[in-house]
Amino acid sequence: MTLPDWVRKWKGKNIEIHRRGNNYYAYRVHSEYDPVKKRSRKVTDEYLGKITPDGIIPPKYKRSTKRIMEAGNILLVEYFTESLTSILKSIWPDIYESILAAAIIKLVYKSPLKRFSFYHEISYLRRLYPNAHLSKNSLTSLLERIGKEWDLQKEFFRLISDGSISDGSDYMAIDLTHVFSHSLKLPFNELGYNSHDIWRDQINLMLIWAIDAHHPTFLKILPGSIHSSTSLINAIKESSLKGVIAVCDKGFYSESNLEILEKYGVHYIIGLNRGLKFLKFPSITRYKKNFLYRKSLQWYYEYDVDGRRVINYLDKVLYGDEERIFFTRIKDGDSPKSEYNKHKNRFGTLSVITDLGIPAEKIYSLYKERKEIEYAFDALKNTIESDKTWMQSTERLRGYFFIVFISLYLYSRILEHLKRKDLLKTYSVDDVLVYLSKVYATETDYTIIPSEIPKKTKELIKKIEIPITQKLGR
């Protein structure tokens, strides 16, 4: 087909021209290998518009000369993307805008993939990331590509864990969670019990968390039935992270798990159930050493079990509460009085086993701060709404959870900022995003006009001390 010069100039890499009658139309396309036909096939990503001598006329939904966009919430999240942007751009220079836009949409709007393109168009994201392509076909290609490029994902994880972004975190914690899967095609899908004893198809997510820097550093998908230290070892090797400690809750303890961790030189801090036979529970008077943890006085008692270090921590306030509850149960007839002497030295205690030689106060702090990783999983499943997946291929699944990881990273940065400003007593991350969604920008053919900002939103912007409105000219 011979094209006029004014049409030919629009034809280029991944741009295809169609002629219908006397009119010409532009489409964004790409090629991918079809394993069934054993050859490449063309995939149309999106319709760009009608070509005229004066340029491309976009489709009607993109043509508005006056567009009102949500801006404040987007600009808040974008504030925390600076270091991420440089790393993503260095690894994926042609798709980094799509990755960031998708991650921000997932965090701000908790949206299913099919609405990503819509939110990109109606928000300030289209100004920040004009080269993001989030149509259905574009997203499918994006997720498949990221999922296939696992080595590049690992390079990204390595870069965010070094001093270029984090504060050089000294300690990393690692944990697992499950995600239900509705796919019939995933090899990762396996039947397994979750924490609620539900037996169904699921996958596992393994997350490594920088305790001191308060952000995630590595995410890997595992089959749904894996809950052993072998999977921890493999993930740590792949992450190339240093200073990783398996800080695990009481359900992880077993002799075999400890032996595997010790064999591969992985440090650990693991909580212990009070019912384990090797634990010692001395009387309160035997606890001679103490420290303050967040205004709470903690006493501790150390001893060895088969050459391993065990530490009992005693919170006397908690001791009093548990003792009171026990006597209430005796009074109600739920527990015999004779059981009191058997249990009284266990009240208010937390026991951990570890191979670390650092002070008992630091051990306690690390174990307690592993709660951050539990909160992160909660945010991933509920705040970002990624507790189930319909992905139909391993590559798309890996790509999808990489986007979710970026969302989680940004969420953790906002959370930490609110904590530093002492605002978490009043606002959650979701609260802040909702308030700031009231900051609009009106786009015309010539300029961006910021909207009037509600009083409460103005007060919040002042408290968080991030230059959101300045970017809109206020």
Protein backbone atom coordinates (compact mmCIF):
# COMPACT_ATOMS: atom_id res chain seq x y z
CA MET A 1 0.00 0.00 0.00
CA THR A 2 1.40 3.36 -1.09
CA LEU A 3 0.98 6.01 1.61
CA PRO A 4 0.93 9.79 1.21
CA ASP A 5 3.85 11.57 2.85
CA TRP A 6 1.63 13.07 5.57
CA VAL A 7 0.56 9.51 6.53
CA ARG A 8 3.93 7.80 6.06
CA LYS A 9 5.63 10.04 8.64
CA TRP A 10 3.51 8.42 11.38
CA LYS A 11 4.54 4.90 10.45
CA GLY A 12 7.35 3.63 12.66
CA LYS A 13 8.43 0.90 15.05
CA ASN A 14 5.34 -0.73 16.59
CA ILE A 15 3.05 1.71 14.73
CA GLU A 16 0.86 0.24 11.99
CA ILE A 17 -1.26 2.16 9.47
CA HIS A 18 -4.63 0.86 8.23
CA ARG A 19 -6.56 2.32 5.28
CA ARG A 20 -10.34 2.17 5.12
CA GLY A 21 -11.80 3.95 2.10
CA ASN A 22 -10.00 7.28 1.84
CA ASN A 23 -9.13 7.42 5.55
CA TYR A 24 -6.03 6.26 7.43
CA TYR A 25 -5.85 5.00 11.01
CA ALA A 26 -2.88 4.40 13.36
CA TYR A 27 -2.53 1.47 15.77
CA ARG A 28 0.13 0.50 18.29
CA VAL A 29 1.19 -3.14 17.74
CA HIS A 30 3.84 -5.62 18.80
CA SER A 31 4.91 -9.13 17.77
CA GLU A 32 5.14 -12.17 19.98
CA TYR A 33 5.98 -15.81 19.38
CA ASP A 34 3.05 -18.22 19.04
CA PRO A 35 4.18 -21.64 20.35
CA VAL A 36 1.22 -23.37 18.66
CA LYS A 37 1.80 -21.95 15.16
CA LYS A 38 5.56 -21.83 15.81
CA ARG A 39 5.93 -18.39 14.35
CA SER A 40 5.55 -14.78 15.35
CA ARG A 41 2.11 -13.21 15.34
CA LYS A 42 1.03 -9.59 15.46
CA VAL A 43 -0.86 -8.28 18.50
CA THR A 44 -2.72 -4.95 18.41
CA ASP A 45 -2.22 -3.02 21.65
CA GLU A 46 -4.37 0.08 21.12
CA TYR A 47 -6.03 2.34 18.59
CA LEU A 48 -4.20 5.68 18.39
CA GLY A 49 -6.56 7.61 16.15
CA LYS A 50 -7.39 8.86 12.65
CA ILE A 51 -4.50 10.31 10.65
CA THR A 52 -5.11 13.66 8.92
CA PRO A 53 -2.76 16.13 7.21
CA ASP A 54 -2.86 18.12 10.48
CA GLY A 55 -1.95 15.17 12.70
CA ILE A 56 -3.59 12.24 14.50
CA ILE A 57 -7.08 12.81 15.84
CA PRO A 58 -7.34 10.61 18.96
CA PRO A 59 -10.51 8.64 19.77
CA LYS A 60 -13.32 10.60 21.43
CA TYR A 61 -12.53 9.56 24.99
CA LYS A 62 -9.07 11.11 24.61
CA ARG A 63 -10.21 14.27 22.84
CA SER A 64 -11.55 16.45 25.63
CA THR A 65 -10.21 20.00 25.51
CA LYS A 66 -10.96 20.37 29.21
CA ARG A 67 -10.18 17.47 31.50
CA ILE A 68 -10.50 17.30 35.31
CA MET A 69 -7.94 14.98 36.86
CA GLU A 70 -7.36 13.62 40.37
CA ALA A 71 -3.93 14.96 41.22
CA GLY A 72 -3.14 15.19 44.93
CA ASN A 73 -3.16 11.46 45.66
CA ILE A 74 -1.05 10.72 42.59
CA LEU A 75 1.50 13.43 43.40
CA LEU A 76 1.86 12.14 46.96
CA VAL A 77 2.80 8.65 45.77
CA GLU A 78 4.96 10.00 42.95
CA TYR A 79 7.01 11.94 45.54
CA PHE A 80 8.36 8.62 46.84
CA THR A 81 9.24 7.19 43.40
CA GLU A 82 12.38 9.21 42.69
CA SER A 83 15.00 6.56 43.45
CA LEU A 84 12.78 3.79 42.10
CA THR A 85 12.44 5.65 38.83
CA SER A 86 16.19 5.83 38.21
CA ILE A 87 16.62 2.10 38.88
CA LEU A 88 13.62 1.00 36.82
CA LYS A 89 14.70 3.26 33.96
CA SER A 90 18.19 1.73 33.99
CA ILE A 91 16.78 -1.81 33.80
CA TRP A 92 13.68 -1.32 31.62
CA PRO A 93 14.17 2.01 29.77
CA ASP A 94 11.25 1.41 27.40
CA ILE A 95 8.60 0.25 29.90
CA TYR A 96 9.53 1.86 33.23
CA GLU A 97 6.71 4.42 32.92
CA SER A 98 4.17 1.65 32.45
CA ILE A 99 5.53 -0.20 35.51
CA LEU A 100 5.36 2.87 37.74
CA ALA A 101 1.94 3.98 36.51
CA ALA A 102 0.53 0.47 37.03
CA ALA A 103 1.98 0.24 40.55
CA ILE A 104 0.59 3.64 41.54
CA ILE A 105 -2.85 2.74 40.19
CA LYS A 106 -2.80 -0.52 42.15
CA LEU A 107 -1.95 1.35 45.36
CA VAL A 108 -4.24 4.37 44.93
CA TYR A 109 -7.29 2.77 43.32
CA LYS A 110 -6.97 -0.95 44.30
CA SER A 111 -8.10 -1.52 40.75
CA PRO A 112 -8.36 -4.74 38.75
CA LEU A 113 -6.13 -4.76 35.69
CA LYS A 114 -8.99 -4.12 33.26
CA ARG A 115 -9.47 -0.59 34.67
CA PHE A 116 -5.80 0.48 34.69
CA SER A 117 -6.09 2.31 31.37
CA PHE A 118 -9.17 4.19 32.60
CA TYR A 119 -7.45 5.41 35.78
CA HIS A 120 -4.37 6.41 33.82
CA GLU A 121 -6.56 8.61 31.63
CA ILE A 122 -8.62 10.28 34.38
CA SER A 123 -5.76 11.02 36.78
CA TYR A 124 -2.61 13.11 36.80
CA LEU A 125 -0.71 9.95 35.86
CA ARG A 126 -1.22 10.71 32.18
CA ARG A 127 0.83 13.89 32.69
CA LEU A 128 3.53 12.20 34.79
CA TYR A 129 3.82 9.08 32.64
CA PRO A 130 2.60 9.93 29.12
CA ASN A 131 4.41 6.94 27.63
CA ALA A 132 2.70 4.40 29.89
CA HIS A 133 0.64 1.88 27.90
CA LEU A 134 -2.00 0.21 30.05
CA SER A 135 -4.63 -1.10 27.66
CA LYS A 136 -5.64 -4.74 28.10
CA ASN A 137 -3.25 -6.06 25.47
CA SER A 138 -0.44 -3.74 26.53
CA LEU A 139 -0.78 -4.88 30.15
CA THR A 140 -0.76 -8.52 29.14
CA SER A 141 2.46 -7.98 27.21
CA LEU A 142 3.94 -5.94 30.08
CA LEU A 143 3.27 -8.60 32.72
CA GLU A 144 4.51 -11.43 30.52
CA ARG A 145 7.72 -9.59 29.72
CA ILE A 146 8.49 -8.69 33.34
CA GLY A 147 7.64 -12.23 34.43
CA LYS A 148 9.99 -13.77 31.90
CA GLU A 149 12.83 -11.44 32.90
CA TRP A 150 13.36 -12.86 36.41
CA ASP A 151 17.08 -12.07 36.28
CA LEU A 152 16.24 -8.40 35.72
CA GLN A 153 13.79 -8.51 38.62
CA LYS A 154 16.56 -9.87 40.84
CA GLU A 155 18.84 -7.05 39.69
CA PHE A 156 16.14 -4.57 40.67
CA PHE A 157 15.80 -6.16 44.12
CA ARG A 158 19.57 -6.04 44.58
CA LEU A 159 19.71 -2.36 43.70
CA ILE A 160 16.90 -1.27 46.03
CA SER A 161 18.56 -3.10 48.92
CA ASP A 162 21.88 -1.25 48.67
CA GLY A 163 22.67 2.24 49.88
CA SER A 164 21.23 3.93 46.79
CA ILE A 165 17.74 3.78 48.30
CA SER A 166 17.75 2.18 51.72
CA ASP A 167 19.64 3.38 54.74
CA GLY A 168 22.01 0.44 54.49
CA SER A 169 19.76 -1.78 56.58
CA ASP A 170 21.70 -4.10 58.88
CA TYR A 171 18.97 -6.68 59.31
CA MET A 172 16.51 -8.38 56.98
CA ALA A 173 13.55 -10.49 58.04
CA ILE A 174 11.88 -13.13 55.90
CA ASP A 175 8.38 -14.62 55.98
CA LEU A 176 5.73 -16.42 53.93
CA THR A 177 2.07 -15.81 53.21
CA HIS A 178 -0.50 -17.50 50.97
CA VAL A 179 -2.58 -16.07 48.13
CA PHE A 180 -5.61 -17.92 46.79
CA SER A 181 -5.48 -18.67 43.08
CA HIS A 182 -8.45 -19.24 40.80
CA SER A 183 -6.32 -20.28 37.83
CA LEU A 184 -6.54 -23.79 36.42
CA LYS A 185 -3.29 -23.49 34.46
CA LEU A 186 -0.63 -22.43 36.97
CA PRO A 187 2.04 -24.98 37.89
CA PHE A 188 2.57 -22.98 41.13
CA ASN A 189 -0.98 -23.81 42.20
CA GLU A 190 -1.00 -26.46 44.92
CA LEU A 191 -3.50 -27.51 47.51
CA GLY A 192 -2.43 -26.47 50.97
CA TYR A 193 -3.67 -25.35 54.37
CA ASN A 194 -3.57 -21.67 55.13
CA SER A 195 -3.55 -20.04 58.58
CA HIS A 196 -7.34 -20.55 58.79
CA ASP A 197 -7.03 -24.30 58.03
CA ILE A 198 -8.68 -23.84 54.65
CA TRP A 199 -7.62 -26.50 52.12
CA ARG A 200 -7.67 -25.08 48.60
CA ASP A 201 -5.58 -23.99 45.60
CA GLN A 202 -3.07 -21.36 46.57
CA ILE A 203 0.40 -19.99 45.98
CA ASN A 204 2.91 -18.72 48.51
CA LEU A 205 4.61 -15.35 48.52
CA MET A 206 7.99 -15.04 50.22
CA LEU A 207 8.89 -11.52 51.29
CA ILE A 208 12.22 -10.25 52.61
CA TRP A 209 11.89 -7.08 54.65
CA ALA A 210 14.56 -4.52 55.63
CA ILE A 211 13.87 -4.14 59.35
CA ASP A 212 15.99 -1.05 59.94
CA ALA A 213 14.98 0.71 56.71
CA HIS A 214 11.29 -0.33 57.00
CA HIS A 215 10.65 -1.43 53.42
CA PRO A 216 10.45 -4.65 51.37
CA THR A 217 13.53 -5.73 49.43
CA PHE A 218 12.66 -9.03 47.73
CA LEU A 219 9.55 -10.98 46.70
CA LYS A 220 9.35 -14.47 45.26
CA ILE A 221 6.46 -16.75 44.31
CA LEU A 222 6.57 -20.32 45.63
CA PRO A 223 4.29 -23.33 45.24
CA GLY A 224 1.35 -23.31 47.62
CA SER A 225 2.39 -26.23 49.83
CA ILE A 226 5.92 -25.04 50.74
CA HIS A 227 6.48 -23.94 54.33
CA SER A 228 10.00 -25.16 55.09
CA SER A 229 13.40 -23.60 55.65
CA THR A 230 14.64 -25.10 52.36
CA SER A 231 12.51 -22.57 50.47
CA LEU A 232 13.92 -19.80 52.68
CA ILE A 233 17.47 -20.84 51.83
CA ASN A 234 16.80 -20.86 48.09
CA ALA A 235 15.15 -17.43 48.18
CA ILE A 236 18.00 -15.93 50.20
CA LYS A 237 20.54 -17.31 47.69
CA GLU A 238 18.57 -15.81 44.79
CA SER A 239 18.19 -12.45 46.51
CA SER A 240 21.99 -12.03 47.01
CA LEU A 241 21.10 -10.02 50.12
CA LYS A 242 23.47 -9.84 53.06
CA GLY A 243 22.48 -9.81 56.73
CA VAL A 244 19.25 -11.77 56.19
CA ILE A 245 17.86 -13.21 59.41
CA ALA A 246 15.03 -15.71 59.44
CA VAL A 247 12.86 -13.92 62.01
CA CYS A 248 9.95 -16.33 62.25
CA ASP A 249 6.91 -16.86 64.41
CA LYS A 250 6.22 -19.81 66.71
CA GLY A 251 4.74 -22.02 64.01
CA PHE A 252 8.05 -22.22 62.13
CA TYR A 253 10.08 -23.92 64.87
CA SER A 254 11.21 -27.50 64.31
CA GLU A 255 14.52 -29.27 64.79
CA SER A 256 14.79 -30.00 61.05
CA ASN A 257 14.22 -26.37 60.13
CA LEU A 258 16.92 -25.24 62.56
CA GLU A 259 19.38 -27.79 61.17
CA ILE A 260 18.85 -26.59 57.58
CA LEU A 261 19.27 -22.93 58.56
CA GLU A 262 22.46 -23.76 60.48
CA LYS A 263 23.82 -25.91 57.66
CA TYR A 264 23.67 -22.98 55.24
CA GLY A 265 24.76 -20.35 57.73
CA VAL A 266 21.48 -18.43 57.82
CA HIS A 267 20.98 -16.63 61.13
CA TYR A 268 17.64 -16.99 62.87
CA ILE A 269 15.40 -15.69 65.64
CA ILE A 270 12.40 -17.98 66.11
CA GLY A 271 9.58 -17.70 68.64
CA LEU A 272 8.82 -20.77 70.75
CA ASN A 273 5.52 -22.13 72.03
CA ARG A 274 5.37 -22.18 75.81
CA GLY A 275 4.46 -25.87 75.76
CA LEU A 276 7.84 -27.07 74.40
CA LYS A 277 9.39 -29.50 76.89
CA PHE A 278 12.94 -28.13 76.77
CA LEU A 279 11.93 -24.64 77.88
CA LYS A 280 12.74 -23.50 81.40
CA PHE A 281 10.46 -21.13 83.28
CA PRO A 282 12.21 -19.93 86.45
CA SER A 283 10.48 -17.86 89.12
CA ILE A 284 10.21 -14.10 88.65
CA THR A 285 13.08 -13.50 91.09
CA ARG A 286 15.53 -15.27 88.71
CA TYR A 287 15.09 -12.54 86.07
CA LYS A 288 17.94 -10.16 86.97
CA LYS A 289 18.45 -8.11 83.76
CA ASN A 290 16.08 -5.71 82.05
CA PHE A 291 15.69 -3.04 79.37
CA LEU A 292 13.02 -0.63 78.14
CA TYR A 293 11.27 -1.34 74.85
CA ARG A 294 8.88 1.41 73.79
CA LYS A 295 8.29 2.44 77.43
CA SER A 296 7.64 -1.17 78.46
CA LEU A 297 10.05 -2.78 80.96
CA GLN A 298 11.25 -6.19 79.80
CA TRP A 299 13.16 -8.62 82.02
CA TYR A 300 15.09 -11.54 80.58
CA TYR A 301 16.76 -14.84 81.49
CA GLU A 302 19.16 -16.74 79.18
CA TYR A 303 20.23 -20.37 78.99
CA ASP A 304 21.54 -22.94 76.49
CA VAL A 305 19.62 -25.88 75.05
CA ASP A 306 21.85 -28.32 73.14
CA GLY A 307 24.33 -25.53 72.45
CA ARG A 308 21.66 -23.11 71.22
CA ARG A 309 20.83 -19.81 72.86
CA VAL A 310 17.34 -19.52 74.36
CA ILE A 311 16.07 -16.28 75.89
CA ASN A 312 12.97 -15.91 78.05
CA TYR A 313 11.53 -12.39 78.18
CA LEU A 314 9.19 -11.41 81.00
CA ASP A 315 6.74 -8.51 80.90
CA LYS A 316 5.49 -8.11 84.51
CA VAL A 317 2.50 -6.03 83.42
CA LEU A 318 1.45 -8.82 81.06
CA TYR A 319 2.22 -11.31 83.84
CA GLY A 320 -0.35 -9.58 86.07
CA ASP A 321 -2.95 -9.56 83.29
CA GLU A 322 -2.52 -13.28 82.53
CA GLU A 323 -2.56 -14.17 86.23
CA ARG A 324 -5.82 -12.25 86.68
CA ILE A 325 -7.37 -14.00 83.66
CA PHE A 326 -6.28 -17.41 85.00
CA PHE A 327 -7.89 -16.79 88.40
CA THR A 328 -11.06 -15.59 86.67
CA ARG A 329 -11.19 -18.92 84.84
CA ILE A 330 -10.68 -20.77 88.14
CA LYS A 331 -13.56 -18.81 89.68
CA ASP A 332 -15.77 -19.62 86.69
CA GLY A 333 -14.87 -23.29 86.94
CA ASP A 334 -13.03 -23.40 83.60
CA SER A 335 -9.62 -24.29 85.17
CA PRO A 336 -8.72 -26.27 88.31
CA LYS A 337 -6.87 -24.36 91.04
CA SER A 338 -4.21 -27.05 91.09
CA GLU A 339 -3.04 -25.92 87.63
CA TYR A 340 -1.92 -22.52 88.93
CA ASN A 341 1.52 -23.61 90.19
CA LYS A 342 2.14 -25.41 86.90
CA HIS A 343 1.47 -22.32 84.78
CA LYS A 344 2.35 -19.32 86.95
CA ASN A 345 6.00 -19.04 85.82
CA ARG A 346 4.90 -18.96 82.19
CA PHE A 347 2.67 -15.92 82.59
CA GLY A 348 3.89 -12.84 80.73
CA THR A 349 6.75 -14.65 78.99
CA LEU A 350 8.03 -14.80 75.41
CA SER A 351 10.71 -17.34 74.53
CA VAL A 352 12.93 -17.27 71.45
CA ILE A 353 15.76 -19.41 70.15
CA THR A 354 18.59 -17.80 68.17
CA ASP A 355 22.13 -18.33 66.90
CA LEU A 356 22.96 -14.62 67.15
CA GLY A 357 25.37 -13.30 69.76
CA ILE A 358 23.99 -9.78 69.81
CA PRO A 359 22.44 -8.27 72.99
CA ALA A 360 19.15 -9.71 74.23
CA GLU A 361 17.56 -6.26 73.86
CA LYS A 362 18.34 -6.22 70.13
CA ILE A 363 17.04 -9.78 69.72
CA TYR A 364 13.75 -8.73 71.31
CA SER A 365 13.51 -5.63 69.13
CA LEU A 366 14.10 -7.61 65.94
CA TYR A 367 11.51 -10.21 66.87
CA LYS A 368 8.90 -7.61 67.76
CA GLU A 369 9.63 -5.56 64.66
CA ARG A 370 8.96 -8.59 62.47
CA LYS A 371 5.37 -7.42 62.96
CA GLU A 372 6.18 -4.98 60.16
CA ILE A 373 6.35 -7.85 57.70
CA GLU A 374 2.96 -9.09 58.91
CA TYR A 375 1.55 -5.59 58.47
CA ALA A 376 3.11 -5.53 54.99
CA PHE A 377 1.37 -8.76 54.03
CA ASP A 378 -1.86 -7.33 55.43
CA ALA A 379 -1.39 -4.21 53.31
CA LEU A 380 -0.62 -6.34 50.25
CA LYS A 381 -3.76 -8.43 50.68
CA ASN A 382 -6.19 -5.80 51.93
CA THR A 383 -4.98 -2.27 51.24
CA ILE A 384 -3.59 -3.13 47.80
CA GLU A 385 -6.19 -5.92 47.41
CA SER A 386 -3.97 -8.70 46.07
CA ASP A 387 -5.29 -11.57 48.18
CA LYS A 388 -6.35 -13.62 45.16
CA THR A 389 -5.34 -13.93 41.55
CA TRP A 390 -6.82 -15.10 38.25
CA MET A 391 -3.52 -15.05 36.34
CA GLN A 392 -3.38 -17.81 33.74
CA SER A 393 0.37 -18.16 33.25
CA THR A 394 3.45 -18.25 35.45
CA GLU A 395 5.01 -15.31 33.58
CA ARG A 396 1.97 -13.06 34.06
CA LEU A 397 1.77 -14.07 37.72
CA ARG A 398 5.41 -13.11 38.30
CA GLY A 399 4.91 -9.86 36.41
CA TYR A 400 1.75 -9.04 38.34
CA PHE A 401 3.34 -9.54 41.75
CA PHE A 402 6.35 -7.49 40.71
CA ILE A 403 3.92 -4.59 40.11
CA VAL A 404 2.33 -5.35 43.49
CA PHE A 405 5.81 -5.30 45.08
CA ILE A 406 6.39 -1.78 43.74
CA SER A 407 3.00 -0.75 45.19
CA LEU A 408 3.96 -2.26 48.54
CA TYR A 409 7.31 -0.49 48.51
CA LEU A 410 5.60 2.86 47.89
CA TYR A 411 3.02 2.10 50.58
CA SER A 412 5.79 1.38 53.11
CA ARG A 413 7.55 4.66 52.25
CA ILE A 414 4.35 6.67 52.81
CA LEU A 415 3.67 4.77 56.04
CA GLU A 416 7.16 5.49 57.36
CA HIS A 417 6.80 9.17 56.45
CA LEU A 418 3.52 9.41 58.38
CA LYS A 419 5.20 7.69 61.31
CA ARG A 420 8.06 10.21 61.31
CA LYS A 421 5.55 13.06 61.28
CA ASP A 422 3.64 11.41 64.18
CA LEU A 423 0.47 11.31 62.07
CA LEU A 424 -0.44 7.61 62.26
CA LYS A 425 -2.57 8.19 65.34
CA THR A 426 -4.88 10.28 63.17
CA TYR A 427 -4.42 9.12 59.56
CA SER A 428 -3.84 5.82 57.82
CA VAL A 429 -2.22 5.68 54.38
CA ASP A 430 -5.67 5.15 52.88
CA ASP A 431 -7.02 8.16 54.77
CA VAL A 432 -4.30 10.38 53.32
CA LEU A 433 -4.90 9.13 49.78
CA VAL A 434 -8.65 9.79 50.09
CA TYR A 435 -8.14 13.33 51.43
CA LEU A 436 -5.64 14.15 48.70
CA SER A 437 -7.93 12.78 45.98
CA LYS A 438 -9.86 16.03 46.54
CA VAL A 439 -6.97 17.97 45.02
CA TYR A 440 -7.89 18.23 41.34
CA ALA A 441 -6.19 19.71 38.31
CA THR A 442 -8.04 20.91 35.22
CA GLU A 443 -6.14 20.36 31.98
CA THR A 444 -6.85 22.53 28.95
CA ASP A 445 -5.12 22.67 25.59
CA TYR A 446 -2.78 25.28 26.98
CA THR A 447 -2.22 24.86 30.72
CA ILE A 448 -2.95 23.08 34.00
CA ILE A 449 -5.27 24.88 36.42
CA PRO A 450 -5.28 23.66 40.06
CA SER A 451 -8.63 23.39 41.82
CA GLU A 452 -9.65 24.95 45.09
CA ILE A 453 -8.56 22.72 47.96
CA PRO A 454 -10.92 21.82 50.85
CA LYS A 455 -9.88 23.14 54.27
CA LYS A 456 -9.22 19.74 55.88
CA THR A 457 -7.11 18.66 52.92
CA LYS A 458 -5.09 21.88 53.16
CA GLU A 459 -4.45 21.16 56.84
CA LEU A 460 -3.28 17.64 56.02
CA ILE A 461 -0.93 18.84 53.26
CA LYS A 462 0.62 21.25 55.74
CA LYS A 463 1.13 18.46 58.27
CA ILE A 464 2.73 15.95 55.90
CA GLU A 465 5.14 18.62 54.56
CA ILE A 466 5.35 17.31 51.01
CA PRO A 467 5.26 19.87 48.12
CA ILE A 468 2.10 18.57 46.47
CA THR A 469 0.33 21.81 45.62
CA GLN A 470 3.57 23.51 44.48
CA LYS A 471 3.71 21.10 41.55
CA LEU A 472 0.29 22.36 40.50
CA GLY A 473 1.25 26.02 40.77
CA ARG A 474 -0.19 26.80 44.25
